[in-house]
Protein backbone atom coordinates (compact mmCIF):
# COMPACT_ATOMS: atom_id res chain seq x y z
CA UNK A 1 117.11 -43.10 61.62
CA UNK A 2 114.28 -43.23 58.87
CA UNK A 3 111.57 -42.49 61.09
CA UNK A 4 113.33 -38.79 62.50
CA UNK A 5 113.88 -37.78 59.52
CA UNK A 6 110.42 -38.49 58.59
CA UNK A 7 109.40 -36.64 61.98
CA UNK A 8 111.79 -33.49 60.74
CA UNK A 9 109.80 -33.51 57.51
CA UNK A 10 106.75 -33.60 58.91
CA UNK A 11 107.25 -30.77 61.71
CA UNK A 12 108.94 -28.88 58.78
CA UNK A 13 105.58 -29.17 56.72
CA UNK A 14 103.64 -28.31 59.99
CA UNK A 15 104.90 -24.90 59.56
CA UNK A 16 103.47 -24.17 57.16
CA UNK A 17 103.33 -20.81 54.93
CA UNK A 18 104.07 -19.58 58.55
CA UNK A 19 107.01 -17.28 59.63
CA UNK A 20 109.86 -19.11 60.73
CA UNK A 21 111.29 -18.20 64.33
CA UNK A 22 114.21 -15.86 64.21
CA UNK A 23 115.85 -16.97 67.45
CA UNK A 24 117.87 -14.16 69.76
CA UNK A 25 121.40 -14.13 70.36
CA UNK A 26 120.76 -15.13 73.80
CA UNK A 27 118.98 -18.16 72.41
CA UNK A 28 121.31 -19.48 70.59
CA UNK A 29 123.90 -19.19 73.43
CA UNK A 30 120.91 -21.56 74.68
CA UNK A 31 121.40 -23.66 71.78
CA UNK A 32 124.26 -24.51 72.06
CA UNK A 33 124.91 -25.26 75.54
CA UNK A 34 122.25 -27.32 75.43
CA UNK A 35 124.12 -29.70 72.46
CA UNK A 36 126.96 -29.25 74.58
CA UNK A 37 125.44 -31.11 77.43
CA UNK A 38 123.61 -33.42 75.22
CA UNK A 39 127.34 -34.26 73.90
CA UNK A 40 128.78 -34.20 77.72
CA UNK A 41 125.79 -36.84 78.27
CA UNK A 42 126.99 -39.08 75.03
CA UNK A 43 130.39 -38.62 76.48
CA UNK A 44 129.07 -40.06 79.75
CA UNK A 45 127.37 -42.89 78.51
CA UNK A 46 124.04 -42.06 77.40
CA UNK A 47 122.73 -43.84 74.78
CA UNK A 48 121.49 -42.20 71.49
CA UNK A 49 118.18 -43.74 71.26
CA UNK A 50 117.63 -42.60 75.06
CA UNK A 51 118.73 -38.77 74.58
CA UNK A 52 116.47 -38.96 71.39
CA UNK A 53 113.05 -40.40 73.14
CA UNK A 54 114.18 -38.23 75.97
CA UNK A 55 114.17 -34.87 73.50
CA UNK A 56 110.99 -36.04 71.23
CA UNK A 57 109.04 -36.52 74.59
CA UNK A 58 110.16 -32.77 75.47
CA UNK A 59 108.97 -30.92 72.48
CA UNK A 60 106.10 -32.61 72.05
CA UNK A 61 105.52 -31.50 75.56
CA UNK A 62 106.21 -28.08 74.91
CA UNK A 63 104.16 -27.98 71.97
CA UNK A 64 101.17 -27.94 74.44
CA UNK A 65 102.56 -24.18 75.26
CA UNK A 66 101.82 -21.28 73.23
CA UNK A 67 105.21 -20.22 70.88
CA UNK A 68 106.52 -17.10 72.90
CA UNK A 69 106.31 -19.17 76.48
CA UNK A 70 108.63 -22.33 74.64
CA UNK A 71 112.40 -21.98 74.97
CA UNK A 72 114.28 -22.35 71.63
CA UNK A 73 111.31 -24.78 70.24
CA UNK A 74 109.02 -22.24 68.90
CA UNK A 75 108.47 -23.71 65.97
CA UNK A 76 109.05 -26.55 63.48
CA UNK A 77 112.11 -25.25 61.74
CA UNK A 78 113.36 -24.80 65.32
CA UNK A 79 112.59 -28.24 66.42
CA UNK A 80 114.07 -29.75 63.14
CA UNK A 81 117.38 -27.55 63.86
CA UNK A 82 117.75 -28.96 67.27
CA UNK A 83 116.68 -32.39 66.57
CA UNK A 84 119.79 -32.14 63.85
CA UNK A 85 122.13 -31.46 65.90
CA UNK A 86 121.61 -33.40 68.72
CA UNK A 87 122.10 -36.41 65.68
CA UNK A 88 125.19 -35.08 64.72
CA UNK A 89 126.65 -35.09 68.50
CA UNK A 90 125.67 -38.76 68.31
CA UNK A 91 126.07 -40.00 64.87
CA UNK A 92 129.49 -37.76 64.05
CA UNK A 93 131.29 -37.21 67.43
CA UNK A 94 133.09 -34.27 68.10
CA UNK A 95 134.24 -32.28 71.64
CA UNK A 96 131.40 -31.18 73.44
CA UNK A 97 132.80 -27.49 72.61
CA UNK A 98 132.89 -28.24 69.06
CA UNK A 99 129.74 -29.08 68.93
CA UNK A 100 128.49 -26.28 70.85
CA UNK A 101 130.55 -23.53 68.62
CA UNK A 102 128.79 -25.19 65.05
CA UNK A 103 125.55 -25.04 66.53
CA UNK A 104 126.08 -21.33 67.98
CA UNK A 105 126.97 -20.29 64.30
CA UNK A 106 124.73 -22.13 62.22
CA UNK A 107 121.57 -20.23 64.92
CA UNK A 108 123.12 -17.24 64.40
CA UNK A 109 123.39 -17.40 60.70
CA UNK A 110 119.37 -18.24 61.03
CA UNK A 111 119.19 -14.53 62.30
CA UNK A 112 121.53 -13.05 59.46
CA UNK A 113 123.20 -15.59 57.10
CA UNK A 114 126.38 -13.45 56.88
CA UNK A 115 127.26 -15.73 60.45
CA UNK A 116 127.54 -18.44 58.60
CA UNK A 117 131.10 -20.12 59.25
CA UNK A 118 129.97 -23.68 59.39
CA UNK A 119 126.72 -25.90 58.23
CA UNK A 120 125.50 -28.60 60.60
């Protein structure tokens, strides 16, 4: 857990003074679906560490592409947001649809803070 926190902080620091990516509504929907699918994977027996290892490997591979060609994780803030959401899936299990809804609302709040109804 400490390692992931350090990773999230390091990723945030790498962003420096750059403007944070503002996700689109479609990207927020896709992030919510991704998190829902993570919860379904958890429900089907996928261990937390296996999922996190795969996610971190995928994020590392995605960084080799220009931000405009990436899916949701276009910058360090996006990566930290996604990592935190997936950690919550495994650390505080809920129904997959509840995780999806929370992530969607939190993501929409990154576009417009008035959308925030619940936090990660």
